[in-house]
Full PDB file with SEQRES, HELIX, SHEET, SSBOND, CRYST1, ORIGX, SCALE, CONECT and MASTER records, all heavy atoms in Angstrom:
SEQRES   1 A   32  PRO ILE ARG PHE TYR SER THR HIS LEU ASP HIS ARG SER          
SEQRES   2 A   32  PRO ASP GLU ARG LEU THR GLN ILE ARG HIS LEU MET GLU          
SEQRES   3 A   32  ARG VAL LEU ALA TYR PRO                                      
HELIX    1 AA1 PRO A   14  ALA A   30  1                                  17    
CRYST1    1.000    1.000    1.000  90.00  90.00  90.00 P 1           1          
ORIGX1      1.000000  0.000000  0.000000        0.00000                         
ORIGX2      0.000000  1.000000  0.000000        0.00000                         
ORIGX3      0.000000  0.000000  1.000000        0.00000                         
SCALE1      1.000000  0.000000  0.000000        0.00000                         
SCALE2      0.000000  1.000000  0.000000        0.00000                         
SCALE3      0.000000  0.000000  1.000000        0.00000                         
ATOM      1  N   PRO A   1       0.836  -1.215   0.000  1.00  0.00           N  
ATOM      2  CA  PRO A   1       0.000   0.000   0.000  1.00  0.00           C  
ATOM      3  C   PRO A   1       0.866   1.259   0.000  1.00  0.00           C  
ATOM      4  O   PRO A   1       1.825   1.369   0.755  1.00  0.00           O  
ATOM      5  CB  PRO A   1      -0.810  -0.128   1.285  1.00  0.00           C  
ATOM      6  CG  PRO A   1      -0.001  -1.026   2.168  1.00  0.00           C  
ATOM      7  CD  PRO A   1       0.714  -1.972   1.262  1.00  0.00           C  
ATOM      8  N   ILE A   2       0.516   2.198  -0.883  1.00  0.00           N  
ATOM      9  CA  ILE A   2       1.228   3.469  -1.002  1.00  0.00           C  
ATOM     10  C   ILE A   2       0.194   4.578  -1.146  1.00  0.00           C  
ATOM     11  O   ILE A   2      -0.831   4.410  -1.820  1.00  0.00           O  
ATOM     12  CB  ILE A   2       2.183   3.480  -2.217  1.00  0.00           C  
ATOM     13  CG1 ILE A   2       3.272   2.410  -2.067  1.00  0.00           C  
ATOM     14  CG2 ILE A   2       2.839   4.847  -2.383  1.00  0.00           C  
ATOM     15  CD1 ILE A   2       4.204   2.309  -3.271  1.00  0.00           C  
ATOM     16  N   ARG A   3       0.473   5.716  -0.532  1.00  0.00           N  
ATOM     17  CA  ARG A   3      -0.378   6.892  -0.716  1.00  0.00           C  
ATOM     18  C   ARG A   3       0.192   7.755  -1.844  1.00  0.00           C  
ATOM     19  O   ARG A   3       1.396   8.014  -1.880  1.00  0.00           O  
ATOM     20  CB  ARG A   3      -0.427   7.718   0.578  1.00  0.00           C  
ATOM     21  CG  ARG A   3      -1.145   7.035   1.714  1.00  0.00           C  
ATOM     22  CD  ARG A   3      -1.014   7.818   2.991  1.00  0.00           C  
ATOM     23  NE  ARG A   3       0.315   7.715   3.579  1.00  0.00           N  
ATOM     24  CZ  ARG A   3       1.014   8.742   4.053  1.00  0.00           C  
ATOM     25  NH1 ARG A   3       0.545   9.985   3.972  1.00  0.00           N  
ATOM     26  NH2 ARG A   3       2.199   8.554   4.603  1.00  0.00           N  
ATOM     27  N   PHE A   4      -0.678   8.178  -2.736  1.00  0.00           N  
ATOM     28  CA  PHE A   4      -0.285   9.054  -3.834  1.00  0.00           C  
ATOM     29  C   PHE A   4      -1.042  10.374  -3.714  1.00  0.00           C  
ATOM     30  O   PHE A   4      -2.224  10.393  -3.347  1.00  0.00           O  
ATOM     31  CB  PHE A   4      -0.595   8.397  -5.185  1.00  0.00           C  
ATOM     32  CG  PHE A   4       0.232   7.177  -5.470  1.00  0.00           C  
ATOM     33  CD1 PHE A   4      -0.210   5.920  -5.077  1.00  0.00           C  
ATOM     34  CD2 PHE A   4       1.455   7.274  -6.113  1.00  0.00           C  
ATOM     35  CE1 PHE A   4       0.547   4.786  -5.321  1.00  0.00           C  
ATOM     36  CE2 PHE A   4       2.224   6.161  -6.370  1.00  0.00           C  
ATOM     37  CZ  PHE A   4       1.768   4.903  -5.969  1.00  0.00           C  
ATOM     38  N   TYR A   5      -0.354  11.473  -4.045  1.00  0.00           N  
ATOM     39  CA  TYR A   5      -0.935  12.806  -3.923  1.00  0.00           C  
ATOM     40  C   TYR A   5      -0.748  13.558  -5.240  1.00  0.00           C  
ATOM     41  O   TYR A   5       0.378  13.876  -5.624  1.00  0.00           O  
ATOM     42  CB  TYR A   5      -0.259  13.576  -2.788  1.00  0.00           C  
ATOM     43  CG  TYR A   5      -0.501  12.985  -1.419  1.00  0.00           C  
ATOM     44  CD1 TYR A   5       0.245  11.893  -0.970  1.00  0.00           C  
ATOM     45  CD2 TYR A   5      -1.489  13.488  -0.588  1.00  0.00           C  
ATOM     46  CE1 TYR A   5       0.020  11.336   0.281  1.00  0.00           C  
ATOM     47  CE2 TYR A   5      -1.721  12.944   0.667  1.00  0.00           C  
ATOM     48  CZ  TYR A   5      -0.966  11.860   1.094  1.00  0.00           C  
ATOM     49  OH  TYR A   5      -1.196  11.307   2.334  1.00  0.00           O  
ATOM     50  N   SER A   6      -1.856  13.820  -5.942  1.00  0.00           N  
ATOM     51  CA  SER A   6      -1.813  14.639  -7.147  1.00  0.00           C  
ATOM     52  C   SER A   6      -1.927  16.094  -6.720  1.00  0.00           C  
ATOM     53  O   SER A   6      -2.957  16.519  -6.187  1.00  0.00           O  
ATOM     54  CB  SER A   6      -2.942  14.258  -8.107  1.00  0.00           C  
ATOM     55  OG  SER A   6      -2.844  14.976  -9.321  1.00  0.00           O  
ATOM     56  N   THR A   7      -0.875  16.862  -6.975  1.00  0.00           N  
ATOM     57  CA  THR A   7      -0.657  18.154  -6.319  1.00  0.00           C  
ATOM     58  C   THR A   7      -0.639  19.293  -7.330  1.00  0.00           C  
ATOM     59  O   THR A   7      -0.055  19.174  -8.403  1.00  0.00           O  
ATOM     60  CB  THR A   7       0.694  18.126  -5.572  1.00  0.00           C  
ATOM     61  OG1 THR A   7       0.739  16.994  -4.709  1.00  0.00           O  
ATOM     62  CG2 THR A   7       0.916  19.397  -4.775  1.00  0.00           C  
ATOM     63  N   HIS A   8      -1.255  20.415  -6.954  1.00  0.00           N  
ATOM     64  CA  HIS A   8      -1.199  21.616  -7.782  1.00  0.00           C  
ATOM     65  C   HIS A   8      -1.124  22.829  -6.852  1.00  0.00           C  
ATOM     66  O   HIS A   8      -2.119  23.212  -6.227  1.00  0.00           O  
ATOM     67  CB  HIS A   8      -2.429  21.712  -8.686  1.00  0.00           C  
ATOM     68  CG  HIS A   8      -2.327  22.762  -9.731  1.00  0.00           C  
ATOM     69  ND1 HIS A   8      -3.438  23.301 -10.376  1.00  0.00           N  
ATOM     70  CD2 HIS A   8      -1.258  23.405 -10.266  1.00  0.00           C  
ATOM     71  CE1 HIS A   8      -3.039  24.201 -11.260  1.00  0.00           C  
ATOM     72  NE2 HIS A   8      -1.723  24.287 -11.202  1.00  0.00           N  
ATOM     73  N   LEU A   9       0.060  23.425  -6.774  1.00  0.00           N  
ATOM     74  CA  LEU A   9       0.279  24.558  -5.877  1.00  0.00           C  
ATOM     75  C   LEU A   9       0.122  25.896  -6.606  1.00  0.00           C  
ATOM     76  O   LEU A   9       0.102  25.957  -7.831  1.00  0.00           O  
ATOM     77  CB  LEU A   9       1.678  24.476  -5.253  1.00  0.00           C  
ATOM     78  CG  LEU A   9       2.007  23.226  -4.443  1.00  0.00           C  
ATOM     79  CD1 LEU A   9       3.381  23.388  -3.785  1.00  0.00           C  
ATOM     80  CD2 LEU A   9       0.949  22.933  -3.397  1.00  0.00           C  
ATOM     81  N   ASP A  10       0.068  26.962  -5.809  1.00  0.00           N  
ATOM     82  CA  ASP A  10      -0.100  28.321  -6.326  1.00  0.00           C  
ATOM     83  C   ASP A  10       1.003  28.686  -7.320  1.00  0.00           C  
ATOM     84  O   ASP A  10       2.163  28.295  -7.152  1.00  0.00           O  
ATOM     85  CB  ASP A  10      -0.082  29.310  -5.154  1.00  0.00           C  
ATOM     86  CG  ASP A  10      -0.305  30.736  -5.609  1.00  0.00           C  
ATOM     87  OD1 ASP A  10      -1.453  31.083  -5.913  1.00  0.00           O  
ATOM     88  OD2 ASP A  10       0.684  31.492  -5.678  1.00  0.00           O  
ATOM     89  N   HIS A  11       0.637  29.448  -8.355  1.00  0.00           N  
ATOM     90  CA  HIS A  11       1.593  29.800  -9.408  1.00  0.00           C  
ATOM     91  C   HIS A  11       2.107  31.234  -9.295  1.00  0.00           C  
ATOM     92  O   HIS A  11       2.975  31.635 -10.066  1.00  0.00           O  
ATOM     93  CB  HIS A  11       0.947  29.623 -10.783  1.00  0.00           C  
ATOM     94  CG  HIS A  11      -0.127  30.632 -11.086  1.00  0.00           C  
ATOM     95  ND1 HIS A  11      -1.345  30.645 -10.433  1.00  0.00           N  
ATOM     96  CD2 HIS A  11      -0.174  31.655 -11.989  1.00  0.00           C  
ATOM     97  CE1 HIS A  11      -2.083  31.626 -10.903  1.00  0.00           C  
ATOM     98  NE2 HIS A  11      -1.404  32.271 -11.839  1.00  0.00           N  
ATOM     99  N   ARG A  12       1.600  32.027  -8.323  1.00  0.00           N  
ATOM    100  CA  ARG A  12       1.926  33.454  -8.297  1.00  0.00           C  
ATOM    101  C   ARG A  12       2.892  33.852  -7.198  1.00  0.00           C  
ATOM    102  O   ARG A  12       3.670  34.780  -7.348  1.00  0.00           O  
ATOM    103  CB  ARG A  12       0.650  34.285  -8.084  1.00  0.00           C  
ATOM    104  CG  ARG A  12      -0.547  33.958  -8.922  1.00  0.00           C  
ATOM    105  CD  ARG A  12      -1.825  34.491  -8.266  1.00  0.00           C  
ATOM    106  NE  ARG A  12      -1.927  34.041  -6.884  1.00  0.00           N  
ATOM    107  CZ  ARG A  12      -1.769  34.819  -5.826  1.00  0.00           C  
ATOM    108  NH1 ARG A  12      -1.545  36.105  -5.978  1.00  0.00           N  
ATOM    109  NH2 ARG A  12      -1.839  34.317  -4.613  1.00  0.00           N  
ATOM    110  N   SER A  13       2.804  33.154  -6.041  1.00  0.00           N  
ATOM    111  CA  SER A  13       3.474  33.672  -4.851  1.00  0.00           C  
ATOM    112  C   SER A  13       4.252  32.576  -4.121  1.00  0.00           C  
ATOM    113  O   SER A  13       3.657  31.595  -3.662  1.00  0.00           O  
ATOM    114  CB  SER A  13       2.435  34.269  -3.896  1.00  0.00           C  
ATOM    115  OG  SER A  13       2.993  34.499  -2.620  1.00  0.00           O  
ATOM    116  N   PRO A  14       5.572  32.746  -3.950  1.00  0.00           N  
ATOM    117  CA  PRO A  14       6.331  31.773  -3.155  1.00  0.00           C  
ATOM    118  C   PRO A  14       5.888  31.748  -1.701  1.00  0.00           C  
ATOM    119  O   PRO A  14       5.964  30.705  -1.045  1.00  0.00           O  
ATOM    120  CB  PRO A  14       7.781  32.241  -3.302  1.00  0.00           C  
ATOM    121  CG  PRO A  14       7.706  33.652  -3.776  1.00  0.00           C  
ATOM    122  CD  PRO A  14       6.442  33.774  -4.544  1.00  0.00           C  
ATOM    123  N   ASP A  15       5.409  32.870  -1.181  1.00  0.00           N  
ATOM    124  CA  ASP A  15       4.912  32.893   0.190  1.00  0.00           C  
ATOM    125  C   ASP A  15       3.692  31.989   0.334  1.00  0.00           C  
ATOM    126  O   ASP A  15       3.576  31.230   1.302  1.00  0.00           O  
ATOM    127  CB  ASP A  15       4.545  34.326   0.606  1.00  0.00           C  
ATOM    128  CG  ASP A  15       5.757  35.238   0.722  1.00  0.00           C  
ATOM    129  OD1 ASP A  15       6.846  34.721   1.022  1.00  0.00           O  
ATOM    130  OD2 ASP A  15       5.614  36.454   0.502  1.00  0.00           O  
ATOM    131  N   GLU A  16       2.800  32.071  -0.638  1.00  0.00           N  
ATOM    132  CA  GLU A  16       1.605  31.227  -0.576  1.00  0.00           C  
ATOM    133  C   GLU A  16       1.962  29.757  -0.765  1.00  0.00           C  
ATOM    134  O   GLU A  16       1.419  28.878  -0.094  1.00  0.00           O  
ATOM    135  CB  GLU A  16       0.576  31.674  -1.623  1.00  0.00           C  
ATOM    136  CG  GLU A  16      -0.762  30.982  -1.491  1.00  0.00           C  
ATOM    137  CD  GLU A  16      -1.934  31.925  -1.711  1.00  0.00           C  
ATOM    138  OE1 GLU A  16      -1.888  33.063  -1.205  1.00  0.00           O  
ATOM    139  OE2 GLU A  16      -2.886  31.509  -2.371  1.00  0.00           O  
ATOM    140  N   ARG A  17       2.904  29.483  -1.676  1.00  0.00           N  
ATOM    141  CA  ARG A  17       3.332  28.096  -1.877  1.00  0.00           C  
ATOM    142  C   ARG A  17       3.943  27.529  -0.595  1.00  0.00           C  
ATOM    143  O   ARG A  17       3.698  26.365  -0.247  1.00  0.00           O  
ATOM    144  CB  ARG A  17       4.350  28.008  -3.023  1.00  0.00           C  
ATOM    145  CG  ARG A  17       3.730  28.120  -4.393  1.00  0.00           C  
ATOM    146  CD  ARG A  17       4.710  27.689  -5.474  1.00  0.00           C  
ATOM    147  NE  ARG A  17       5.890  28.549  -5.561  1.00  0.00           N  
ATOM    148  CZ  ARG A  17       5.952  29.650  -6.290  1.00  0.00           C  
ATOM    149  NH1 ARG A  17       4.895  30.052  -6.986  1.00  0.00           N  
ATOM    150  NH2 ARG A  17       7.069  30.360  -6.336  1.00  0.00           N  
ATOM    151  N   LEU A  18       4.730  28.328   0.087  1.00  0.00           N  
ATOM    152  CA  LEU A  18       5.376  27.857   1.309  1.00  0.00           C  
ATOM    153  C   LEU A  18       4.335  27.513   2.373  1.00  0.00           C  
ATOM    154  O   LEU A  18       4.435  26.484   3.056  1.00  0.00           O  
ATOM    155  CB  LEU A  18       6.341  28.921   1.828  1.00  0.00           C  
ATOM    156  CG  LEU A  18       7.405  28.479   2.833  1.00  0.00           C  
ATOM    157  CD1 LEU A  18       8.217  27.308   2.307  1.00  0.00           C  
ATOM    158  CD2 LEU A  18       8.317  29.655   3.169  1.00  0.00           C  
ATOM    159  N   THR A  19       3.324  28.359   2.499  1.00  0.00           N  
ATOM    160  CA  THR A  19       2.236  28.080   3.437  1.00  0.00           C  
ATOM    161  C   THR A  19       1.503  26.806   3.041  1.00  0.00           C  
ATOM    162  O   THR A  19       1.161  25.971   3.895  1.00  0.00           O  
ATOM    163  CB  THR A  19       1.260  29.262   3.475  1.00  0.00           C  
ATOM    164  OG1 THR A  19       1.951  30.446   3.874  1.00  0.00           O  
ATOM    165  CG2 THR A  19       0.120  29.003   4.448  1.00  0.00           C  
ATOM    166  N   GLN A  20       1.253  26.627   1.742  1.00  0.00           N  
ATOM    167  CA  GLN A  20       0.557  25.437   1.267  1.00  0.00           C  
ATOM    168  C   GLN A  20       1.378  24.171   1.514  1.00  0.00           C  
ATOM    169  O   GLN A  20       0.842  23.131   1.912  1.00  0.00           O  
ATOM    170  CB  GLN A  20       0.245  25.589  -0.222  1.00  0.00           C  
ATOM    171  CG  GLN A  20      -0.793  26.660  -0.516  1.00  0.00           C  
ATOM    172  CD  GLN A  20      -0.982  26.930  -2.003  1.00  0.00           C  
ATOM    173  OE1 GLN A  20      -0.150  26.540  -2.825  1.00  0.00           O  
ATOM    174  NE2 GLN A  20      -2.066  27.598  -2.343  1.00  0.00           N  
ATOM    175  N   ILE A  21       2.686  24.252   1.276  1.00  0.00           N  
ATOM    176  CA  ILE A  21       3.549  23.087   1.469  1.00  0.00           C  
ATOM    177  C   ILE A  21       3.603  22.690   2.937  1.00  0.00           C  
ATOM    178  O   ILE A  21       3.543  21.503   3.282  1.00  0.00           O  
ATOM    179  CB  ILE A  21       4.960  23.365   0.914  1.00  0.00           C  
ATOM    180  CG1 ILE A  21       4.917  23.426  -0.615  1.00  0.00           C  
ATOM    181  CG2 ILE A  21       5.949  22.301   1.375  1.00  0.00           C  
ATOM    182  CD1 ILE A  21       6.170  23.975  -1.244  1.00  0.00           C  
ATOM    183  N   ARG A  22       3.707  23.657   3.825  1.00  0.00           N  
ATOM    184  CA  ARG A  22       3.735  23.338   5.255  1.00  0.00           C  
ATOM    185  C   ARG A  22       2.448  22.637   5.677  1.00  0.00           C  
ATOM    186  O   ARG A  22       2.471  21.658   6.429  1.00  0.00           O  
ATOM    187  CB  ARG A  22       3.951  24.618   6.066  1.00  0.00           C  
ATOM    188  CG  ARG A  22       5.377  25.154   5.977  1.00  0.00           C  
ATOM    189  CD  ARG A  22       5.491  26.535   6.579  1.00  0.00           C  
ATOM    190  NE  ARG A  22       6.871  27.018   6.557  1.00  0.00           N  
ATOM    191  CZ  ARG A  22       7.209  28.298   6.606  1.00  0.00           C  
ATOM    192  NH1 ARG A  22       6.256  29.234   6.689  1.00  0.00           N  
ATOM    193  NH2 ARG A  22       8.484  28.651   6.576  1.00  0.00           N  
ATOM    194  N   HIS A  23       1.326  23.126   5.183  1.00  0.00           N  
ATOM    195  CA  HIS A  23       0.043  22.509   5.494  1.00  0.00           C  
ATOM    196  C   HIS A  23      -0.017  21.090   4.932  1.00  0.00           C  
ATOM    197  O   HIS A  23      -0.436  20.148   5.629  1.00  0.00           O  
ATOM    198  CB  HIS A  23      -1.092  23.358   4.909  1.00  0.00           C  
ATOM    199  CG  HIS A  23      -2.454  22.787   5.134  1.00  0.00           C  
ATOM    200  ND1 HIS A  23      -3.160  22.970   6.304  1.00  0.00           N  
ATOM    201  CD2 HIS A  23      -3.244  22.014   4.340  1.00  0.00           C  
ATOM    202  CE1 HIS A  23      -4.317  22.351   6.225  1.00  0.00           C  
ATOM    203  NE2 HIS A  23      -4.397  21.763   5.041  1.00  0.00           N  
ATOM    204  N   LEU A  24       0.421  20.928   3.688  1.00  0.00           N  
ATOM    205  CA  LEU A  24       0.393  19.614   3.058  1.00  0.00           C  
ATOM    206  C   LEU A  24       1.298  18.632   3.793  1.00  0.00           C  
ATOM    207  O   LEU A  24       0.906  17.472   4.044  1.00  0.00           O  
ATOM    208  CB  LEU A  24       0.827  19.735   1.597  1.00  0.00           C  
ATOM    209  CG  LEU A  24       1.015  18.423   0.824  1.00  0.00           C  
ATOM    210  CD1 LEU A  24      -0.288  17.633   0.780  1.00  0.00           C  
ATOM    211  CD2 LEU A  24       1.521  18.706  -0.583  1.00  0.00           C  
ATOM    212  N   MET A  25       2.508  19.053   4.133  1.00  0.00           N  
ATOM    213  CA  MET A  25       3.443  18.172   4.823  1.00  0.00           C  
ATOM    214  C   MET A  25       2.884  17.709   6.174  1.00  0.00           C  
ATOM    215  O   MET A  25       3.054  16.546   6.574  1.00  0.00           O  
ATOM    216  CB  MET A  25       4.785  18.871   5.014  1.00  0.00           C  
ATOM    217  CG  MET A  25       5.537  19.156   3.719  1.00  0.00           C  
ATOM    218  SD  MET A  25       6.259  17.680   2.973  1.00  0.00           S  
ATOM    219  CE  MET A  25       7.699  17.454   4.018  1.00  0.00           C  
ATOM    220  N   GLU A  26       2.205  18.586   6.874  1.00  0.00           N  
ATOM    221  CA  GLU A  26       1.594  18.208   8.147  1.00  0.00           C  
ATOM    222  C   GLU A  26       0.571  17.092   7.954  1.00  0.00           C  
ATOM    223  O   GLU A  26       0.544  16.109   8.692  1.00  0.00           O  
ATOM    224  CB  GLU A  26       0.921  19.426   8.795  1.00  0.00           C  
ATOM    225  CG  GLU A  26       1.881  20.435   9.396  1.00  0.00           C  
ATOM    226  CD  GLU A  26       1.157  21.616   9.995  1.00  0.00           C  
ATOM    227  OE1 GLU A  26      -0.107  21.634   9.957  1.00  0.00           O  
ATOM    228  OE2 GLU A  26       1.828  22.536  10.513  1.00  0.00           O  
ATOM    229  N   ARG A  27      -0.264  17.241   6.928  1.00  0.00           N  
ATOM    230  CA  ARG A  27      -1.309  16.227   6.685  1.00  0.00           C  
ATOM    231  C   ARG A  27      -0.697  14.912   6.225  1.00  0.00           C  
ATOM    232  O   ARG A  27      -1.104  13.835   6.642  1.00  0.00           O  
ATOM    233  CB  ARG A  27      -2.297  16.744   5.637  1.00  0.00           C  
ATOM    234  CG  ARG A  27      -3.052  17.989   6.045  1.00  0.00           C  
ATOM    235  CD  ARG A  27      -4.250  17.718   6.954  1.00  0.00           C  
ATOM    236  NE  ARG A  27      -3.961  17.027   8.190  1.00  0.00           N  
ATOM    237  CZ  ARG A  27      -3.352  17.598   9.260  1.00  0.00           C  
ATOM    238  NH1 ARG A  27      -2.990  18.875   9.209  1.00  0.00           N  
ATOM    239  NH2 ARG A  27      -3.131  16.910  10.352  1.00  0.00           N  
ATOM    240  N   VAL A  28       0.276  14.985   5.336  1.00  0.00           N  
ATOM    241  CA  VAL A  28       0.876  13.771   4.784  1.00  0.00           C  
ATOM    242  C   VAL A  28       1.622  12.997   5.863  1.00  0.00           C  
ATOM    243  O   VAL A  28       1.493  11.767   5.973  1.00  0.00           O  
ATOM    244  CB  VAL A  28       1.817  14.121   3.611  1.00  0.00           C  
ATOM    245  CG1 VAL A  28       2.603  12.901   3.170  1.00  0.00           C  
ATOM    246  CG2 VAL A  28       1.019  14.677   2.435  1.00  0.00           C  
ATOM    247  N   LEU A  29       2.400  13.690   6.679  1.00  0.00           N  
ATOM    248  CA  LEU A  29       3.202  13.021   7.695  1.00  0.00           C  
ATOM    249  C   LEU A  29       2.349  12.516   8.857  1.00  0.00           C  
ATOM    250  O   LEU A  29       2.736  11.571   9.555  1.00  0.00           O  
ATOM    251  CB  LEU A  29       4.288  13.967   8.213  1.00  0.00           C  
ATOM    252  CG  LEU A  29       5.348  14.367   7.176  1.00  0.00           C  
ATOM    253  CD1 LEU A  29       6.291  15.417   7.749  1.00  0.00           C  
ATOM    254  CD2 LEU A  29       6.139  13.148   6.704  1.00  0.00           C  
ATOM    255  N   ALA A  30       1.189  13.109   9.061  1.00  0.00           N  
ATOM    256  CA  ALA A  30       0.310  12.677  10.155  1.00  0.00           C  
ATOM    257  C   ALA A  30      -0.560  11.488   9.773  1.00  0.00           C  
ATOM    258  O   ALA A  30      -1.237  10.909  10.637  1.00  0.00           O  
ATOM    259  CB  ALA A  30      -0.576  13.842  10.601  1.00  0.00           C  
ATOM    260  N   TYR A  31      -0.555  11.104   8.503  1.00  0.00           N  
ATOM    261  CA  TYR A  31      -1.472  10.067   8.025  1.00  0.00           C  
ATOM    262  C   TYR A  31      -1.368   8.754   8.803  1.00  0.00           C  
ATOM    263  O   TYR A  31      -2.399   8.181   9.177  1.00  0.00           O  
ATOM    264  CB  TYR A  31      -1.246   9.822   6.539  1.00  0.00           C  
ATOM    265  CG  TYR A  31      -2.280   8.935   5.884  1.00  0.00           C  
ATOM    266  CD1 TYR A  31      -3.342   9.487   5.176  1.00  0.00           C  
ATOM    267  CD2 TYR A  31      -2.201   7.547   5.958  1.00  0.00           C  
ATOM    268  CE1 TYR A  31      -4.291   8.683   4.567  1.00  0.00           C  
ATOM    269  CE2 TYR A  31      -3.146   6.732   5.370  1.00  0.00           C  
ATOM    270  CZ  TYR A  31      -4.184   7.312   4.667  1.00  0.00           C  
ATOM    271  OH  TYR A  31      -5.132   6.506   4.074  1.00  0.00           O  
ATOM    272  N   PRO A  32      -0.157   8.215   9.051  1.00  0.00           N  
ATOM    273  CA  PRO A  32      -0.105   6.937   9.776  1.00  0.00           C  
ATOM    274  C   PRO A  32      -0.764   7.013  11.154  1.00  0.00           C  
ATOM    275  O   PRO A  32      -1.294   6.014  11.642  1.00  0.00           O  
ATOM    276  CB  PRO A  32       1.405   6.677   9.896  1.00  0.00           C  
ATOM    277  CG  PRO A  32       2.006   7.403   8.736  1.00  0.00           C  
ATOM    278  CD  PRO A  32       1.187   8.658   8.617  1.00  0.00           C  
TER     279      PRO A  32                                                      
MASTER        0    0    0    1    0    0    0    6  278    1    0    3          
END                                                                             
């Protein structure tokens, strides 16, 4: 079993992407 994530991040702002990545990493790492 493997988890796959089809991802599409913001295209305008590195600040927004960074916030999105931190949120995503929290959810992905908390899954187990």
